[in-house]
Amino acid sequence: MVSEPRLKIINLLRHAKKNVSEIVNELNMDQTSVSHDLARLKRCGFVKCISEGKYRYYILNEETIRPLMSLIDKHMNAYCVHILREENEPLERQAKNLSVLKVPKIIKNIK
């Protein structure tokens, strides 16, 4: 069930309802793949399809998925903030951290 494209679609639908064309354009995916992924997400209850005039829009399942996503956000904010900080630290600090590698030993073995 889990795939990167489907996760991207779920994340996109967190912010607003979208039709297939909007999802295709925003995620730079082909229409066949998006339609296939949406059908699978719909069968599994992750998304619902609503009709407005001649358009069909996809939304997250408000009863289950939106609360689950909110819980994931809370968890990330409580436990993963330090990881995000590390990923966003300046390149100079990352370069400094690399200096702990035993590069001289590797070079010595090459000679």
PDB file of N, CA and C in Angstrom:
ATOM      1  N   MET A   1       0.823  -1.195   0.000  1.00  0.00           N
ATOM      2  CA  MET A   1       0.000   0.000   0.000  1.00  0.00           C
ATOM      3  C   MET A   1       0.863   1.254   0.000  1.00  0.00           C
ATOM      4  N   VAL A   2       1.948   1.220   0.729  1.00  0.00           N
ATOM      5  CA  VAL A   2       2.770   2.419   0.851  1.00  0.00           C
ATOM      6  C   VAL A   2       3.670   2.564  -0.373  1.00  0.00           C
ATOM      7  N   SER A   3       3.632   3.753  -0.932  1.00  0.00           N
ATOM      8  CA  SER A   3       4.549   4.093  -2.015  1.00  0.00           C
ATOM      9  C   SER A   3       4.783   5.590  -1.932  1.00  0.00           C
ATOM     10  N   GLU A   4       5.925   6.018  -2.408  1.00  0.00           N
ATOM     11  CA  GLU A   4       6.245   7.441  -2.350  1.00  0.00           C
ATOM     12  C   GLU A   4       5.221   8.293  -3.093  1.00  0.00           C
ATOM     13  N   PRO A   5       4.799   7.906  -4.297  1.00  0.00           N
ATOM     14  CA  PRO A   5       3.787   8.730  -4.977  1.00  0.00           C
ATOM     15  C   PRO A   5       2.480   8.841  -4.193  1.00  0.00           C
ATOM     16  N   ARG A   6       2.031   7.736  -3.586  1.00  0.00           N
ATOM     17  CA  ARG A   6       0.786   7.802  -2.811  1.00  0.00           C
ATOM     18  C   ARG A   6       0.950   8.664  -1.572  1.00  0.00           C
ATOM     19  N   LEU A   7       2.111   8.609  -0.940  1.00  0.00           N
ATOM     20  CA  LEU A   7       2.361   9.482   0.213  1.00  0.00           C
ATOM     21  C   LEU A   7       2.369  10.946  -0.208  1.00  0.00           C
ATOM     22  N   LYS A   8       2.921  11.225  -1.375  1.00  0.00           N
ATOM     23  CA  LYS A   8       2.918  12.600  -1.883  1.00  0.00           C
ATOM     24  C   LYS A   8       1.495  13.081  -2.143  1.00  0.00           C
ATOM     25  N   ILE A   9       0.665  12.213  -2.682  1.00  0.00           N
ATOM     26  CA  ILE A   9      -0.731  12.575  -2.932  1.00  0.00           C
ATOM     27  C   ILE A   9      -1.444  12.857  -1.614  1.00  0.00           C
ATOM     28  N   ILE A  10      -1.251  11.995  -0.624  1.00  0.00           N
ATOM     29  CA  ILE A  10      -1.875  12.207   0.687  1.00  0.00           C
ATOM     30  C   ILE A  10      -1.424  13.531   1.270  1.00  0.00           C
ATOM     31  N   ASN A  11      -0.136  13.813   1.205  1.00  0.00           N
ATOM     32  CA  ASN A  11       0.384  15.066   1.751  1.00  0.00           C
ATOM     33  C   ASN A  11      -0.201  16.270   1.019  1.00  0.00           C
ATOM     34  N   LEU A  12      -0.338  16.179  -0.281  1.00  0.00           N
ATOM     35  CA  LEU A  12      -0.914  17.271  -1.063  1.00  0.00           C
ATOM     36  C   LEU A  12      -2.372  17.511  -0.678  1.00  0.00           C
ATOM     37  N   LEU A  13      -3.104  16.440  -0.446  1.00  0.00           N
ATOM     38  CA  LEU A  13      -4.519  16.566  -0.103  1.00  0.00           C
ATOM     39  C   LEU A  13      -4.743  17.044   1.329  1.00  0.00           C
ATOM     40  N   ARG A  14      -3.700  17.092   2.112  1.00  0.00           N
ATOM     41  CA  ARG A  14      -3.824  17.633   3.474  1.00  0.00           C
ATOM     42  C   ARG A  14      -4.204  19.103   3.436  1.00  0.00           C
ATOM     43  N   HIS A  15      -3.817  19.788   2.383  1.00  0.00           N
ATOM     44  CA  HIS A  15      -3.974  21.236   2.316  1.00  0.00           C
ATOM     45  C   HIS A  15      -5.247  21.678   1.614  1.00  0.00           C
ATOM     46  N   ALA A  16      -5.736  20.891   0.671  1.00  0.00           N
ATOM     47  CA  ALA A  16      -6.941  21.294  -0.068  1.00  0.00           C
ATOM     48  C   ALA A  16      -7.425  20.139  -0.934  1.00  0.00           C
ATOM     49  N   LYS A  17      -8.678  20.217  -1.324  1.00  0.00           N
ATOM     50  CA  LYS A  17      -9.207  19.237  -2.273  1.00  0.00           C
ATOM     51  C   LYS A  17      -8.547  19.482  -3.628  1.00  0.00           C
ATOM     52  N   LYS A  18      -8.360  18.411  -4.374  1.00  0.00           N
ATOM     53  CA  LYS A  18      -7.705  18.510  -5.687  1.00  0.00           C
ATOM     54  C   LYS A  18      -8.383  17.567  -6.665  1.00  0.00           C
ATOM     55  N   ASN A  19      -8.412  17.962  -7.930  1.00  0.00           N
ATOM     56  CA  ASN A  19      -8.846  17.021  -8.963  1.00  0.00           C
ATOM     57  C   ASN A  19      -7.598  16.364  -9.553  1.00  0.00           C
ATOM     58  N   VAL A  20      -7.801  15.379 -10.395  1.00  0.00           N
ATOM     59  CA  VAL A  20      -6.673  14.616 -10.945  1.00  0.00           C
ATOM     60  C   VAL A  20      -5.687  15.525 -11.667  1.00  0.00           C
ATOM     61  N   SER A  21      -6.192  16.450 -12.473  1.00  0.00           N
ATOM     62  CA  SER A  21      -5.302  17.343 -13.232  1.00  0.00           C
ATOM     63  C   SER A  21      -4.438  18.191 -12.316  1.00  0.00           C
ATOM     64  N   GLU A  22      -5.011  18.685 -11.226  1.00  0.00           N
ATOM     65  CA  GLU A  22      -4.237  19.498 -10.278  1.00  0.00           C
ATOM     66  C   GLU A  22      -3.145  18.665  -9.621  1.00  0.00           C
ATOM     67  N   ILE A  23      -3.465  17.439  -9.262  1.00  0.00           N
ATOM     68  CA  ILE A  23      -2.469  16.556  -8.642  1.00  0.00           C
ATOM     69  C   ILE A  23      -1.352  16.252  -9.636  1.00  0.00           C
ATOM     70  N   VAL A  24      -1.728  15.949 -10.866  1.00  0.00           N
ATOM     71  CA  VAL A  24      -0.742  15.669 -11.922  1.00  0.00           C
ATOM     72  C   VAL A  24       0.216  16.844 -12.069  1.00  0.00           C
ATOM     73  N   ASN A  25      -0.324  18.054 -12.161  1.00  0.00           N
ATOM     74  CA  ASN A  25       0.509  19.247 -12.357  1.00  0.00           C
ATOM     75  C   ASN A  25       1.375  19.561 -11.148  1.00  0.00           C
ATOM     76  N   GLU A  26       0.809  19.475  -9.953  1.00  0.00           N
ATOM     77  CA  GLU A  26       1.568  19.851  -8.756  1.00  0.00           C
ATOM     78  C   GLU A  26       2.641  18.838  -8.385  1.00  0.00           C
ATOM     79  N   LEU A  27       2.410  17.576  -8.688  1.00  0.00           N
ATOM     80  CA  LEU A  27       3.391  16.544  -8.338  1.00  0.00           C
ATOM     81  C   LEU A  27       4.237  16.102  -9.527  1.00  0.00           C
ATOM     82  N   ASN A  28       3.952  16.667 -10.696  1.00  0.00           N
ATOM     83  CA  ASN A  28       4.703  16.333 -11.905  1.00  0.00           C
ATOM     84  C   ASN A  28       4.718  14.819 -12.164  1.00  0.00           C
ATOM     85  N   MET A  29       3.530  14.238 -12.110  1.00  0.00           N
ATOM     86  CA  MET A  29       3.360  12.807 -12.352  1.00  0.00           C
ATOM     87  C   MET A  29       2.473  12.628 -13.584  1.00  0.00           C
ATOM     88  N   ASP A  30       2.484  11.425 -14.157  1.00  0.00           N
ATOM     89  CA  ASP A  30       1.608  11.203 -15.307  1.00  0.00           C
ATOM     90  C   ASP A  30       0.199  10.852 -14.822  1.00  0.00           C
ATOM     91  N   GLN A  31      -0.781  11.176 -15.637  1.00  0.00           N
ATOM     92  CA  GLN A  31      -2.184  11.052 -15.245  1.00  0.00           C
ATOM     93  C   GLN A  31      -2.590   9.606 -14.949  1.00  0.00           C
ATOM     94  N   THR A  32      -2.070   8.678 -15.711  1.00  0.00           N
ATOM     95  CA  THR A  32      -2.411   7.271 -15.490  1.00  0.00           C
ATOM     96  C   THR A  32      -1.982   6.815 -14.104  1.00  0.00           C
ATOM     97  N   SER A  33      -0.763   7.173 -13.709  1.00  0.00           N
ATOM     98  CA  SER A  33      -0.258   6.786 -12.388  1.00  0.00           C
ATOM     99  C   SER A  33      -1.073   7.427 -11.277  1.00  0.00           C
ATOM    100  N   VAL A  34      -1.369   8.717 -11.429  1.00  0.00           N
ATOM    101  CA  VAL A  34      -2.148   9.422 -10.407  1.00  0.00           C
ATOM    102  C   VAL A  34      -3.528   8.784 -10.272  1.00  0.00           C
ATOM    103  N   SER A  35      -4.181   8.518 -11.388  1.00  0.00           N
ATOM    104  CA  SER A  35      -5.512   7.903 -11.343  1.00  0.00           C
ATOM    105  C   SER A  35      -5.466   6.532 -10.683  1.00  0.00           C
ATOM    106  N   HIS A  36      -4.444   5.747 -11.009  1.00  0.00           N
ATOM    107  CA  HIS A  36      -4.278   4.423 -10.405  1.00  0.00           C
ATOM    108  C   HIS A  36      -4.058   4.544  -8.897  1.00  0.00           C
ATOM    109  N   ASP A  37      -3.172   5.458  -8.491  1.00  0.00           N
ATOM    110  CA  ASP A  37      -2.884   5.643  -7.064  1.00  0.00           C
ATOM    111  C   ASP A  37      -4.107   6.155  -6.311  1.00  0.00           C
ATOM    112  N   LEU A  38      -4.854   7.075  -6.913  1.00  0.00           N
ATOM    113  CA  LEU A  38      -6.064   7.590  -6.265  1.00  0.00           C
ATOM    114  C   LEU A  38      -7.110   6.487  -6.097  1.00  0.00           C
ATOM    115  N   ALA A  39      -7.250   5.632  -7.102  1.00  0.00           N
ATOM    116  CA  ALA A  39      -8.203   4.526  -7.001  1.00  0.00           C
ATOM    117  C   ALA A  39      -7.830   3.597  -5.851  1.00  0.00           C
ATOM    118  N   ARG A  40      -6.553   3.342  -5.717  1.00  0.00           N
ATOM    119  CA  ARG A  40      -6.097   2.465  -4.626  1.00  0.00           C
ATOM    120  C   ARG A  40      -6.297   3.134  -3.269  1.00  0.00           C
ATOM    121  N   LEU A  41      -5.965   4.419  -3.176  1.00  0.00           N
ATOM    122  CA  LEU A  41      -6.172   5.156  -1.927  1.00  0.00           C
ATOM    123  C   LEU A  41      -7.655   5.206  -1.566  1.00  0.00           C
ATOM    124  N   LYS A  42      -8.493   5.334  -2.566  1.00  0.00           N
ATOM    125  CA  LYS A  42      -9.941   5.369  -2.337  1.00  0.00           C
ATOM    126  C   LYS A  42     -10.437   4.006  -1.851  1.00  0.00           C
ATOM    127  N   ARG A  43      -9.995   2.919  -2.494  1.00  0.00           N
ATOM    128  CA  ARG A  43     -10.402   1.566  -2.080  1.00  0.00           C
ATOM    129  C   ARG A  43     -10.004   1.270  -0.644  1.00  0.00           C
ATOM    130  N   CYS A  44      -8.873   1.822  -0.225  1.00  0.00           N
ATOM    131  CA  CYS A  44      -8.377   1.581   1.135  1.00  0.00           C
ATOM    132  C   CYS A  44      -8.923   2.583   2.150  1.00  0.00           C
ATOM    133  N   GLY A  45      -9.734   3.528   1.701  1.00  0.00           N
ATOM    134  CA  GLY A  45     -10.365   4.466   2.615  1.00  0.00           C
ATOM    135  C   GLY A  45      -9.523   5.662   3.013  1.00  0.00           C
ATOM    136  N   PHE A  46      -8.403   5.878   2.342  1.00  0.00           N
ATOM    137  CA  PHE A  46      -7.565   7.027   2.664  1.00  0.00           C
ATOM    138  C   PHE A  46      -8.155   8.322   2.125  1.00  0.00           C
ATOM    139  N   VAL A  47      -8.757   8.251   0.942  1.00  0.00           N
ATOM    140  CA  VAL A  47      -9.339   9.441   0.319  1.00  0.00           C
ATOM    141  C   VAL A  47     -10.782   9.160  -0.079  1.00  0.00           C
ATOM    142  N   LYS A  48     -11.512  10.241  -0.277  1.00  0.00           N
ATOM    143  CA  LYS A  48     -12.880  10.171  -0.781  1.00  0.00           C
ATOM    144  C   LYS A  48     -12.962  11.049  -2.014  1.00  0.00           C
ATOM    145  N   CYS A  49     -13.911  10.739  -2.866  1.00  0.00           N
ATOM    146  CA  CYS A  49     -14.118  11.516  -4.080  1.00  0.00           C
ATOM    147  C   CYS A  49     -15.451  12.251  -3.952  1.00  0.00           C
ATOM    148  N   ILE A  50     -15.431  13.554  -4.208  1.00  0.00           N
ATOM    149  CA  ILE A  50     -16.660  14.343  -4.180  1.00  0.00           C
ATOM    150  C   ILE A  50     -16.845  14.992  -5.543  1.00  0.00           C
ATOM    151  N   SER A  51     -18.085  15.124  -5.952  1.00  0.00           N
ATOM    152  CA  SER A  51     -18.391  15.748  -7.242  1.00  0.00           C
ATOM    153  C   SER A  51     -18.905  17.157  -7.015  1.00  0.00           C
ATOM    154  N   GLU A  52     -18.368  18.078  -7.802  1.00  0.00           N
ATOM    155  CA  GLU A  52     -18.831  19.464  -7.807  1.00  0.00           C
ATOM    156  C   GLU A  52     -19.012  19.857  -9.263  1.00  0.00           C
ATOM    157  N   GLY A  53     -20.259  19.865  -9.703  1.00  0.00           N
ATOM    158  CA  GLY A  53     -20.512  20.126 -11.117  1.00  0.00           C
ATOM    159  C   GLY A  53     -19.941  19.007 -11.948  1.00  0.00           C
ATOM    160  N   LYS A  54     -19.177  19.356 -12.956  1.00  0.00           N
ATOM    161  CA  LYS A  54     -18.584  18.330 -13.824  1.00  0.00           C
ATOM    162  C   LYS A  54     -17.228  17.843 -13.316  1.00  0.00           C
ATOM    163  N   TYR A  55     -16.754  18.379 -12.192  1.00  0.00           N
ATOM    164  CA  TYR A  55     -15.444  18.009 -11.660  1.00  0.00           C
ATOM    165  C   TYR A  55     -15.568  17.037 -10.493  1.00  0.00           C
ATOM    166  N   ARG A  56     -14.582  16.147 -10.414  1.00  0.00           N
ATOM    167  CA  ARG A  56     -14.468  15.235  -9.270  1.00  0.00           C
ATOM    168  C   ARG A  56     -13.214  15.619  -8.503  1.00  0.00           C
ATOM    169  N   TYR A  57     -13.384  15.859  -7.224  1.00  0.00           N
ATOM    170  CA  TYR A  57     -12.275  16.248  -6.364  1.00  0.00           C
ATOM    171  C   TYR A  57     -11.998  15.148  -5.348  1.00  0.00           C
ATOM    172  N   TYR A  58     -10.745  15.057  -4.980  1.00  0.00           N
ATOM    173  CA  TYR A  58     -10.335  14.094  -3.969  1.00  0.00           C
ATOM    174  C   TYR A  58      -9.990  14.840  -2.696  1.00  0.00           C
ATOM    175  N   ILE A  59     -10.428  14.275  -1.577  1.00  0.00           N
ATOM    176  CA  ILE A  59     -10.154  14.841  -0.254  1.00  0.00           C
ATOM    177  C   ILE A  59      -9.709  13.702   0.656  1.00  0.00           C
ATOM    178  N   LEU A  60      -9.015  14.056   1.737  1.00  0.00           N
ATOM    179  CA  LEU A  60      -8.657  13.043   2.724  1.00  0.00           C
ATOM    180  C   LEU A  60      -9.902  12.585   3.461  1.00  0.00           C
ATOM    181  N   ASN A  61      -9.898  11.361   3.905  1.00  0.00           N
ATOM    182  CA  ASN A  61     -10.973  10.846   4.737  1.00  0.00           C
ATOM    183  C   ASN A  61     -10.917  11.594   6.070  1.00  0.00           C
ATOM    184  N   GLU A  62     -11.891  12.457   6.296  1.00  0.00           N
ATOM    185  CA  GLU A  62     -11.906  13.322   7.484  1.00  0.00           C
ATOM    186  C   GLU A  62     -12.039  12.538   8.786  1.00  0.00           C
ATOM    187  N   GLU A  63     -12.684  11.387   8.734  1.00  0.00           N
ATOM    188  CA  GLU A  63     -12.946  10.623   9.951  1.00  0.00           C
ATOM    189  C   GLU A  63     -11.718   9.894  10.470  1.00  0.00           C
ATOM    190  N   THR A  64     -10.861   9.445   9.582  1.00  0.00           N
ATOM    191  CA  THR A  64      -9.734   8.616  10.024  1.00  0.00           C
ATOM    192  C   THR A  64      -8.369   9.178   9.655  1.00  0.00           C
ATOM    193  N   ILE A  65      -8.179   9.562   8.424  1.00  0.00           N
ATOM    194  CA  ILE A  65      -6.840   9.934   7.963  1.00  0.00           C
ATOM    195  C   ILE A  65      -6.408  11.288   8.499  1.00  0.00           C
ATOM    196  N   ARG A  66      -7.299  12.282   8.480  1.00  0.00           N
ATOM    197  CA  ARG A  66      -6.904  13.600   8.977  1.00  0.00           C
ATOM    198  C   ARG A  66      -6.487  13.537  10.451  1.00  0.00           C
ATOM    199  N   PRO A  67      -7.238  12.869  11.348  1.00  0.00           N
ATOM    200  CA  PRO A  67      -6.769  12.746  12.735  1.00  0.00           C
ATOM    201  C   PRO A  67      -5.438  11.994  12.839  1.00  0.00           C
ATOM    202  N   LEU A  68      -5.266  10.984  12.001  1.00  0.00           N
ATOM    203  CA  LEU A  68      -4.009  10.234  11.999  1.00  0.00           C
ATOM    204  C   LEU A  68      -2.843  11.127  11.590  1.00  0.00           C
ATOM    205  N   MET A  69      -3.040  11.943  10.561  1.00  0.00           N
ATOM    206  CA  MET A  69      -1.991  12.862  10.111  1.00  0.00           C
ATOM    207  C   MET A  69      -1.677  13.887  11.196  1.00  0.00           C
ATOM    208  N   SER A  70      -2.701  14.341  11.897  1.00  0.00           N
ATOM    209  CA  SER A  70      -2.492  15.284  12.996  1.00  0.00           C
ATOM    210  C   SER A  70      -1.661  14.636  14.104  1.00  0.00           C
ATOM    211  N   LEU A  71      -1.944  13.387  14.400  1.00  0.00           N
ATOM    212  CA  LEU A  71      -1.180  12.655  15.410  1.00  0.00           C
ATOM    213  C   LEU A  71       0.277  12.485  14.979  1.00  0.00           C
ATOM    214  N   ILE A  72       0.503  12.206  13.712  1.00  0.00           N
ATOM    215  CA  ILE A  72       1.869  12.082  13.191  1.00  0.00           C
ATOM    216  C   ILE A  72       2.602  13.415  13.322  1.00  0.00           C
ATOM    217  N   ASP A  73       1.922  14.521  13.000  1.00  0.00           N
ATOM    218  CA  ASP A  73       2.534  15.847  13.154  1.00  0.00           C
ATOM    219  C   ASP A  73       2.931  16.107  14.602  1.00  0.00           C
ATOM    220  N   LYS A  74       2.046  15.770  15.539  1.00  0.00           N
ATOM    221  CA  LYS A  74       2.353  15.966  16.963  1.00  0.00           C
ATOM    222  C   LYS A  74       3.564  15.138  17.369  1.00  0.00           C
ATOM    223  N   HIS A  75       3.605  13.895  16.907  1.00  0.00           N
ATOM    224  CA  HIS A  75       4.740  13.030  17.221  1.00  0.00           C
ATOM    225  C   HIS A  75       6.038  13.618  16.664  1.00  0.00           C
ATOM    226  N   MET A  76       6.004  14.052  15.412  1.00  0.00           N
ATOM    227  CA  MET A  76       7.204  14.625  14.789  1.00  0.00           C
ATOM    228  C   MET A  76       7.669  15.861  15.549  1.00  0.00           C
ATOM    229  N   ASN A  77       6.732  16.718  15.943  1.00  0.00           N
ATOM    230  CA  ASN A  77       7.099  17.927  16.680  1.00  0.00           C
ATOM    231  C   ASN A  77       7.674  17.597  18.049  1.00  0.00           C
ATOM    232  N   ALA A  78       7.180  16.541  18.675  1.00  0.00           N
ATOM    233  CA  ALA A  78       7.656  16.177  20.006  1.00  0.00           C
ATOM    234  C   ALA A  78       8.978  15.418  19.981  1.00  0.00           C
ATOM    235  N   TYR A  79       9.170  14.559  18.987  1.00  0.00           N
ATOM    236  CA  TYR A  79      10.316  13.656  19.017  1.00  0.00           C
ATOM    237  C   TYR A  79      11.322  13.822  17.886  1.00  0.00           C
ATOM    238  N   CYS A  80      10.964  14.493  16.829  1.00  0.00           N
ATOM    239  CA  CYS A  80      11.845  14.547  15.660  1.00  0.00           C
ATOM    240  C   CYS A  80      12.410  15.929  15.380  1.00  0.00           C
ATOM    241  N   VAL A  81      12.133  16.897  16.233  1.00  0.00           N
ATOM    242  CA  VAL A  81      12.604  18.260  16.001  1.00  0.00           C
ATOM    243  C   VAL A  81      14.125  18.296  15.914  1.00  0.00           C
ATOM    244  N   HIS A  82      14.807  17.542  16.764  1.00  0.00           N
ATOM    245  CA  HIS A  82      16.278  17.549  16.750  1.00  0.00           C
ATOM    246  C   HIS A  82      16.827  17.029  15.425  1.00  0.00           C
ATOM    247  N   ILE A  83      16.152  16.072  14.817  1.00  0.00           N
ATOM    248  CA  ILE A  83      16.600  15.549  13.524  1.00  0.00           C
ATOM    249  C   ILE A  83      16.469  16.622  12.454  1.00  0.00           C
ATOM    250  N   LEU A  84      15.356  17.331  12.470  1.00  0.00           N
ATOM    251  CA  LEU A  84      15.160  18.407  11.495  1.00  0.00           C
ATOM    252  C   LEU A  84      16.202  19.495  11.668  1.00  0.00           C
ATOM    253  N   ARG A  85      16.537  19.807  12.919  1.00  0.00           N
ATOM    254  CA  ARG A  85      17.584  20.811  13.166  1.00  0.00           C
ATOM    255  C   ARG A  85      18.923  20.338  12.606  1.00  0.00           C
ATOM    256  N   GLU A  86      19.243  19.079  12.835  1.00  0.00           N
ATOM    257  CA  GLU A  86      20.508  18.534  12.330  1.00  0.00           C
ATOM    258  C   GLU A  86      20.552  18.570  10.808  1.00  0.00           C
ATOM    259  N   GLU A  87      19.443  18.270  10.181  1.00  0.00           N
ATOM    260  CA  GLU A  87      19.402  18.272   8.716  1.00  0.00           C
ATOM    261  C   GLU A  87      19.545  19.671   8.144  1.00  0.00           C
ATOM    262  N   ASN A  88      19.198  20.674   8.918  1.00  0.00           N
ATOM    263  CA  ASN A  88      19.245  22.049   8.427  1.00  0.00           C
ATOM    264  C   ASN A  88      20.443  22.833   8.952  1.00  0.00           C
ATOM    265  N   GLU A  89      21.365  22.166   9.641  1.00  0.00           N
ATOM    266  CA  GLU A  89      22.514  22.896  10.169  1.00  0.00           C
ATOM    267  C   GLU A  89      23.399  23.370   9.023  1.00  0.00           C
ATOM    268  N   PRO A  90      24.184  24.416   9.250  1.00  0.00           N
ATOM    269  CA  PRO A  90      25.038  24.959   8.183  1.00  0.00           C
ATOM    270  C   PRO A  90      26.029  23.923   7.646  1.00  0.00           C
ATOM    271  N   LEU A  91      26.382  24.075   6.404  1.00  0.00           N
ATOM    272  CA  LEU A  91      27.318  23.146   5.769  1.00  0.00           C
ATOM    273  C   LEU A  91      28.674  23.137   6.458  1.00  0.00           C
ATOM    274  N   GLU A  92      29.069  24.293   6.991  1.00  0.00           N
ATOM    275  CA  GLU A  92      30.370  24.341   7.671  1.00  0.00           C
ATOM    276  C   GLU A  92      30.392  23.384   8.857  1.00  0.00           C
ATOM    277  N   ARG A  93      29.293  23.339   9.586  1.00  0.00           N
ATOM    278  CA  ARG A  93      29.249  22.456  10.741  1.00  0.00           C
ATOM    279  C   ARG A  93      29.268  21.001  10.287  1.00  0.00           C
ATOM    280  N   GLN A  94      28.570  20.707   9.205  1.00  0.00           N
ATOM    281  CA  GLN A  94      28.590  19.347   8.679  1.00  0.00           C
ATOM    282  C   GLN A  94      30.004  18.958   8.261  1.00  0.00           C
ATOM    283  N   ALA A  95      30.716  19.880   7.623  1.00  0.00           N
ATOM    284  CA  ALA A  95      32.088  19.608   7.201  1.00  0.00           C
ATOM    285  C   ALA A  95      32.974  19.356   8.413  1.00  0.00           C
ATOM    286  N   LYS A  96      32.757  20.133   9.465  1.00  0.00           N
ATOM    287  CA  LYS A  96      33.532  19.957  10.695  1.00  0.00           C
ATOM    288  C   LYS A  96      33.268  18.575  11.285  1.00  0.00           C
ATOM    289  N   ASN A  97      32.014  18.132  11.257  1.00  0.00           N
ATOM    290  CA  ASN A  97      31.669  16.810  11.776  1.00  0.00           C
ATOM    291  C   ASN A  97      32.339  15.698  10.975  1.00  0.00           C
ATOM    292  N   LEU A  98      32.570  15.921   9.697  1.00  0.00           N
ATOM    293  CA  LEU A  98      33.225  14.914   8.869  1.00  0.00           C
ATOM    294  C   LEU A  98      34.696  14.747   9.223  1.00  0.00           C
ATOM    295  N   SER A  99      35.276  15.724   9.885  1.00  0.00           N
ATOM    296  CA  SER A  99      36.697  15.653  10.213  1.00  0.00           C
ATOM    297  C   SER A  99      37.005  14.560  11.224  1.00  0.00           C
ATOM    298  N   VAL A 100      35.995  14.004  11.872  1.00  0.00           N
ATOM    299  CA  VAL A 100      36.242  12.927  12.826  1.00  0.00           C
ATOM    300  C   VAL A 100      36.499  11.596  12.122  1.00  0.00           C
ATOM    301  N   LEU A 101      36.278  11.545  10.821  1.00  0.00           N
ATOM    302  CA  LEU A 101      36.570  10.324  10.083  1.00  0.00           C
ATOM    303  C   LEU A 101      38.073  10.065  10.066  1.00  0.00           C
ATOM    304  N   LYS A 102      38.446   8.837   9.961  1.00  0.00           N
ATOM    305  CA  LYS A 102      39.857   8.466   9.992  1.00  0.00           C
ATOM    306  C   LYS A 102      40.436   8.489   8.581  1.00  0.00           C
ATOM    307  N   VAL A 103      40.388   9.638   7.957  1.00  0.00           N
ATOM    308  CA  VAL A 103      40.888   9.791   6.593  1.00  0.00           C
ATOM    309  C   VAL A 103      42.378   9.512   6.504  1.00  0.00           C
ATOM    310  N   PRO A 104      43.228  10.020   7.409  1.00  0.00           N
ATOM    311  CA  PRO A 104      44.666   9.742   7.295  1.00  0.00           C
ATOM    312  C   PRO A 104      44.984   8.246   7.272  1.00  0.00           C
ATOM    313  N   LYS A 105      44.265   7.447   8.050  1.00  0.00           N
ATOM    314  CA  LYS A 105      44.495   6.011   8.076  1.00  0.00           C
ATOM    315  C   LYS A 105      44.204   5.401   6.704  1.00  0.00           C
ATOM    316  N   ILE A 106      43.154   5.854   6.060  1.00  0.00           N
ATOM    317  CA  ILE A 106      42.807   5.355   4.729  1.00  0.00           C
ATOM    318  C   ILE A 106      43.899   5.725   3.734  1.00  0.00           C
ATOM    319  N   ILE A 107      44.352   6.968   3.766  1.00  0.00           N
ATOM    320  CA  ILE A 107      45.405   7.429   2.857  1.00  0.00           C
ATOM    321  C   ILE A 107      46.688   6.647   3.100  1.00  0.00           C
ATOM    322  N   LYS A 108      47.004   6.375   4.355  1.00  0.00           N
ATOM    323  CA  LYS A 108      48.207   5.629   4.704  1.00  0.00           C
ATOM    324  C   LYS A 108      48.172   4.232   4.080  1.00  0.00           C
ATOM    325  N   ASN A 109      47.006   3.596   4.091  1.00  0.00           N
ATOM    326  CA  ASN A 109      46.876   2.252   3.525  1.00  0.00           C
ATOM    327  C   ASN A 109      46.999   2.249   2.010  1.00  0.00           C
ATOM    328  N   ILE A 110      46.695   3.345   1.348  1.00  0.00           N
ATOM    329  CA  ILE A 110      46.787   3.430  -0.108  1.00  0.00           C
ATOM    330  C   ILE A 110      48.239   3.452  -0.548  1.00  0.00           C
ATOM    331  N   LYS A 111      49.111   4.109   0.206  1.00  0.00           N
ATOM    332  CA  LYS A 111      50.528   4.213  -0.154  1.00  0.00           C
ATOM    333  C   LYS A 111      51.125   2.851  -0.130  1.00  0.00           C
TER     334      LYS A 111
END
